[in-house]
């Protein structure tokens, strides 16, 4: 009960802190602990949410095109030797008698973005 009789600005025995400073420190530690636990819970919840979605950020290209079919004009003797899909872009590697060519298509709209003719050096 000695603390109650002393003024509020008198340091506690064995420390340089007053009872008011100790109380403020305890409140700050509790609030920061709650923020840490809440932040970790939020990060874990976000990771679980992202993992459960499977990385799907957009509608599939087939759903965007609907019943429409994209058409690409290629030479009659051309063959597709490789395809690569990245987001809404599809790259086709065509081989024909005229030479190799890479065609980049926008899958969402079905239009040709670019054509690159490959020439040997």
Protein backbone atom coordinates (compact mmCIF):
# COMPACT_ATOMS: atom_id res chain seq x y z
CA UNK A 1 0.00 0.00 0.00
CA UNK A 2 3.05 2.23 -0.01
CA UNK A 3 2.46 2.95 -3.69
CA UNK A 4 -0.97 4.44 -3.02
CA UNK A 5 0.42 6.94 -0.54
CA UNK A 6 3.25 8.08 -2.81
CA UNK A 7 2.66 10.70 -5.52
CA UNK A 8 2.15 9.38 -9.06
CA UNK A 9 5.45 10.81 -10.29
CA UNK A 10 7.62 8.98 -7.76
CA UNK A 11 9.61 6.10 -9.28
CA UNK A 12 8.83 2.58 -8.15
CA UNK A 13 11.43 1.05 -5.81
CA UNK A 14 14.33 -0.45 -7.79
CA UNK A 15 13.33 1.22 -11.12
CA UNK A 16 13.37 4.60 -12.78
CA UNK A 17 9.75 4.27 -13.96
CA UNK A 18 6.68 5.80 -12.35
CA UNK A 19 3.47 3.78 -11.90
CA UNK A 20 1.86 5.80 -14.73
CA UNK A 21 4.73 4.90 -17.11
CA UNK A 22 4.51 1.21 -16.15
CA UNK A 23 0.76 1.22 -16.81
CA UNK A 24 1.26 2.87 -20.23
CA UNK A 25 4.00 0.37 -21.07
CA UNK A 26 1.76 -2.58 -20.15
CA UNK A 27 -1.05 -1.23 -22.35
CA UNK A 28 1.36 -0.67 -25.26
CA UNK A 29 2.75 -4.21 -24.97
CA UNK A 30 -0.74 -5.73 -24.88
CA UNK A 31 -1.93 -3.69 -27.89
CA UNK A 32 1.19 -4.57 -29.93
CA UNK A 33 0.79 -8.25 -29.04
CA UNK A 34 -2.81 -8.19 -30.24
CA UNK A 35 -1.73 -6.47 -33.47
CA UNK A 36 0.97 -9.10 -34.07
CA UNK A 37 -1.39 -12.01 -33.51
CA UNK A 38 -4.07 -10.36 -35.67
CA UNK A 39 -1.56 -9.65 -38.44
CA UNK A 40 -0.32 -13.24 -38.50
CA UNK A 41 -3.91 -14.50 -38.60
CA UNK A 42 -4.66 -12.15 -41.51
CA UNK A 43 -1.58 -13.31 -43.46
CA UNK A 44 -2.45 -16.98 -42.90
CA UNK A 45 -6.08 -16.39 -43.92
CA UNK A 46 -4.92 -14.63 -47.11
CA UNK A 47 -2.57 -17.50 -47.98
CA UNK A 48 -5.33 -20.07 -47.47
CA UNK A 49 -7.76 -17.99 -49.54
CA UNK A 50 -5.29 -17.59 -52.43
CA UNK A 51 -4.37 -21.28 -52.34
CA UNK A 52 -8.01 -22.38 -52.39
CA UNK A 53 -8.75 -20.26 -55.47
CA UNK A 54 -6.08 -22.09 -57.46
CA UNK A 55 -4.61 -18.90 -58.94
CA UNK A 56 -7.61 -18.18 -61.15
CA UNK A 57 -7.72 -14.42 -61.49
CA UNK A 58 -9.70 -14.19 -64.73
CA UNK A 59 -12.42 -16.04 -66.57
CA UNK A 60 -11.18 -18.87 -68.79
CA UNK A 61 -10.64 -17.94 -72.43
CA UNK A 62 -13.33 -20.35 -73.61
CA UNK A 63 -15.88 -18.52 -71.47
CA UNK A 64 -14.81 -15.17 -72.92
CA UNK A 65 -15.06 -16.32 -76.54
CA UNK A 66 -18.36 -18.11 -75.94
CA UNK A 67 -19.62 -19.80 -79.14
CA UNK A 68 -17.31 -17.81 -81.42
CA UNK A 69 -14.33 -19.52 -82.98
CA UNK A 70 -11.07 -17.75 -83.66
CA UNK A 71 -9.67 -18.21 -87.17
CA UNK A 72 -6.04 -18.00 -88.24
CA UNK A 73 -4.93 -17.90 -91.87
CA UNK A 74 -1.93 -20.22 -92.33
CA UNK A 75 -0.29 -21.65 -95.46
CA UNK A 76 -1.69 -25.02 -96.62
CA UNK A 77 1.51 -26.93 -95.94
CA UNK A 78 2.10 -25.33 -92.51
CA UNK A 79 2.25 -27.41 -89.35
CA UNK A 80 2.13 -26.27 -85.75
CA UNK A 81 5.28 -27.47 -84.04
CA UNK A 82 4.76 -25.76 -80.65
CA UNK A 83 2.20 -23.78 -78.69
CA UNK A 84 2.58 -21.68 -75.56
CA UNK A 85 -0.18 -20.04 -73.55
CA UNK A 86 0.50 -17.12 -71.20
CA UNK A 87 -2.58 -15.45 -69.75
CA UNK A 88 -4.71 -14.36 -72.72
CA UNK A 89 -1.90 -14.74 -75.26
CA UNK A 90 -1.24 -17.84 -77.34
CA UNK A 91 2.00 -18.21 -79.31
CA UNK A 92 2.03 -20.69 -82.20
CA UNK A 93 5.24 -21.86 -83.92
CA UNK A 94 4.39 -22.65 -87.54
CA UNK A 95 6.66 -24.54 -89.94
CA UNK A 96 6.01 -24.42 -93.69
CA UNK A 97 7.88 -24.52 -97.00
CA UNK A 98 8.05 -20.72 -96.91
CA UNK A 99 9.88 -20.85 -93.56
CA UNK A 100 9.22 -20.83 -89.85
CA UNK A 101 6.93 -18.26 -88.28
CA UNK A 102 5.67 -17.38 -84.80
CA UNK A 103 2.12 -16.07 -84.50
CA UNK A 104 0.87 -14.46 -81.28
CA UNK A 105 -2.92 -14.50 -80.76
CA UNK A 106 -5.10 -12.71 -78.25
CA UNK A 107 -7.27 -15.57 -77.02
CA UNK A 108 -9.94 -13.30 -75.52
CA UNK A 109 -10.68 -11.48 -78.77
CA UNK A 110 -9.37 -14.04 -81.29
CA UNK A 111 -7.25 -11.47 -83.18
CA UNK A 112 -3.64 -11.81 -84.30
CA UNK A 113 -1.37 -9.56 -82.23
CA UNK A 114 1.83 -10.15 -84.18
CA UNK A 115 3.56 -12.39 -86.73
CA UNK A 116 7.30 -12.99 -86.65
CA UNK A 117 9.00 -14.57 -89.69
CA UNK A 118 12.09 -16.56 -88.72
CA UNK A 119 15.01 -16.37 -91.16
CA UNK A 120 18.15 -18.49 -90.86
CA UNK A 121 21.44 -16.57 -90.73
